[in-house]
Amino acid sequence: MGSLIARTKLADGKVIARDAIGYTDSMDFSRCAGDAAVLYTGSLGTATITQQCSFDNINWYDPIAAAGTALGAVCTATAASTVYISFTPVLAPFVRFKVDETNVAILTYSLTLIFREET
């Protein structure tokens, strides 16, 4: 067995309103072998990006630690930026990303998940 770098575009030119929340498409995260990054491109608005987890690809959760502290933070991206962020993925059968526009402007964004996949 070996591994390869895989990528999946989960959002392509999605638009969310000022001070609103958007969500990327989801994917079967059982393919991920532990390493992950996102390539985020946004215009105008500022976004806080967090991972969400699901067991059934229907009900979504913001992951927390046993002490109740938030997990799943990826990054905060400022207006008109492209960032490549390595992050610690939260173990889950399905994943998507919550994009929270932080009251700056209408946001158009794209997000690609890059991850190590076992072959």
Protein backbone atom coordinates (compact mmCIF):
# COMPACT_ATOMS: atom_id res chain seq x y z
CA MET A 1 0.00 0.00 0.00
CA GLY A 2 1.04 3.56 -0.62
CA SER A 3 -0.43 7.00 -0.41
CA LEU A 4 -1.08 9.84 -2.78
CA ILE A 5 -2.12 13.45 -2.55
CA ALA A 6 -5.78 13.84 -3.49
CA ARG A 7 -7.88 16.95 -3.90
CA THR A 8 -11.57 17.65 -4.05
CA LYS A 9 -13.16 21.01 -4.84
CA LEU A 10 -15.95 21.47 -2.31
CA ALA A 11 -16.98 25.01 -3.27
CA ASP A 12 -16.54 26.83 -6.58
CA GLY A 13 -17.66 30.45 -6.73
CA LYS A 14 -20.24 30.16 -3.95
CA VAL A 15 -21.74 33.45 -2.74
CA ILE A 16 -22.88 34.29 0.78
CA ALA A 17 -24.30 37.52 2.13
CA ARG A 18 -22.56 39.87 4.54
CA ASP A 19 -22.71 38.51 8.12
CA ALA A 20 -24.06 35.15 6.91
CA ILE A 21 -22.92 31.53 6.98
CA GLY A 22 -22.34 29.30 3.98
CA TYR A 23 -21.40 25.65 3.66
CA THR A 24 -19.25 23.79 1.18
CA ASP A 25 -20.30 20.53 -0.39
CA SER A 26 -19.52 17.48 1.73
CA MET A 27 -17.36 14.45 1.03
CA ASP A 28 -16.76 10.95 2.34
CA PHE A 29 -13.83 11.61 4.68
CA SER A 30 -12.94 7.95 5.21
CA ARG A 31 -10.57 8.48 2.26
CA CYS A 32 -8.38 10.82 4.34
CA ALA A 33 -5.30 9.21 5.92
CA GLY A 34 -4.67 11.99 8.42
CA ASP A 35 -3.00 14.91 6.64
CA ALA A 36 -5.14 17.71 5.24
CA ALA A 37 -5.03 21.26 3.92
CA VAL A 38 -7.44 23.65 2.25
CA LEU A 39 -6.87 26.02 -0.63
CA TYR A 40 -9.25 28.93 -0.11
CA THR A 41 -9.86 31.82 -2.49
CA GLY A 42 -12.21 34.62 -1.54
CA SER A 43 -13.16 38.09 -2.69
CA LEU A 44 -14.35 41.10 -0.71
CA GLY A 45 -15.68 39.60 2.55
CA THR A 46 -13.66 38.10 5.38
CA ALA A 47 -14.29 34.47 6.30
CA THR A 48 -13.76 32.29 9.34
CA ILE A 49 -13.54 28.69 8.14
CA THR A 50 -14.20 25.66 10.34
CA GLN A 51 -14.59 21.94 9.72
CA GLN A 52 -17.96 20.32 10.40
CA CYS A 53 -18.44 16.60 10.99
CA SER A 54 -21.22 14.11 10.23
CA PHE A 55 -21.87 10.41 10.72
CA ASP A 56 -24.64 10.22 8.09
CA ASN A 57 -23.99 13.16 5.71
CA ILE A 58 -27.29 14.68 6.91
CA ASN A 59 -26.82 15.87 10.50
CA TRP A 60 -23.83 18.19 10.96
CA TYR A 61 -21.86 19.04 14.09
CA ASP A 62 -19.31 21.66 15.10
CA PRO A 63 -16.78 19.39 16.85
CA ILE A 64 -15.84 20.10 20.47
CA ALA A 65 -13.36 18.56 22.92
CA ALA A 66 -14.51 16.76 26.09
CA ALA A 67 -14.01 20.02 27.99
CA GLY A 68 -16.42 21.78 25.61
CA THR A 69 -13.81 23.81 23.75
CA ALA A 70 -14.26 24.23 20.00
CA LEU A 71 -12.26 22.08 17.58
CA GLY A 72 -12.24 22.18 13.80
CA ALA A 73 -10.83 25.69 13.26
CA VAL A 74 -9.11 26.00 9.89
CA CYS A 75 -8.38 29.71 9.37
CA THR A 76 -9.61 33.26 9.06
CA ALA A 77 -9.09 34.63 5.56
CA THR A 78 -9.20 38.33 4.78
CA ALA A 79 -10.76 40.01 1.78
CA ALA A 80 -9.53 39.16 -1.72
CA SER A 81 -7.06 36.51 -0.59
CA THR A 82 -5.87 33.08 -1.56
CA VAL A 83 -4.52 30.98 1.30
CA TYR A 84 -3.20 27.43 1.54
CA ILE A 85 -3.72 26.26 5.10
CA SER A 86 -2.59 22.98 6.63
CA PHE A 87 -4.90 22.03 9.50
CA THR A 88 -5.53 19.16 11.87
CA PRO A 89 -8.62 17.32 10.60
CA VAL A 90 -11.22 16.07 13.05
CA LEU A 91 -11.95 12.36 12.66
CA ALA A 92 -15.36 11.89 11.02
CA PRO A 93 -17.01 9.75 8.32
CA PHE A 94 -18.11 12.88 6.40
CA VAL A 95 -16.75 16.42 6.32
CA ARG A 96 -17.77 19.84 5.06
CA PHE A 97 -16.63 23.35 5.88
CA LYS A 98 -18.60 26.18 7.43
CA VAL A 99 -17.70 29.59 5.99
CA ASP A 100 -18.77 32.43 8.28
CA GLU A 101 -18.60 35.89 6.68
CA THR A 102 -17.62 38.20 9.54
CA ASN A 103 -19.80 41.24 8.74
CA VAL A 104 -17.52 42.85 6.12
CA ALA A 105 -19.10 42.35 2.67
CA ILE A 106 -20.79 39.88 0.35
CA LEU A 107 -18.35 36.99 -0.12
CA THR A 108 -17.63 34.89 -3.17
CA TYR A 109 -15.38 31.93 -2.37
CA SER A 110 -13.92 28.67 -3.59
CA LEU A 111 -12.44 25.93 -1.42
CA THR A 112 -10.47 22.82 -2.33
CA LEU A 113 -9.64 20.12 0.21
CA ILE A 114 -6.21 18.55 -0.25
CA PHE A 115 -5.49 15.35 1.70
CA ARG A 116 -3.36 12.25 1.87
CA GLU A 117 -5.25 9.19 0.66
CA GLU A 118 -4.13 5.57 1.10
CA THR A 119 -4.08 3.49 -2.07
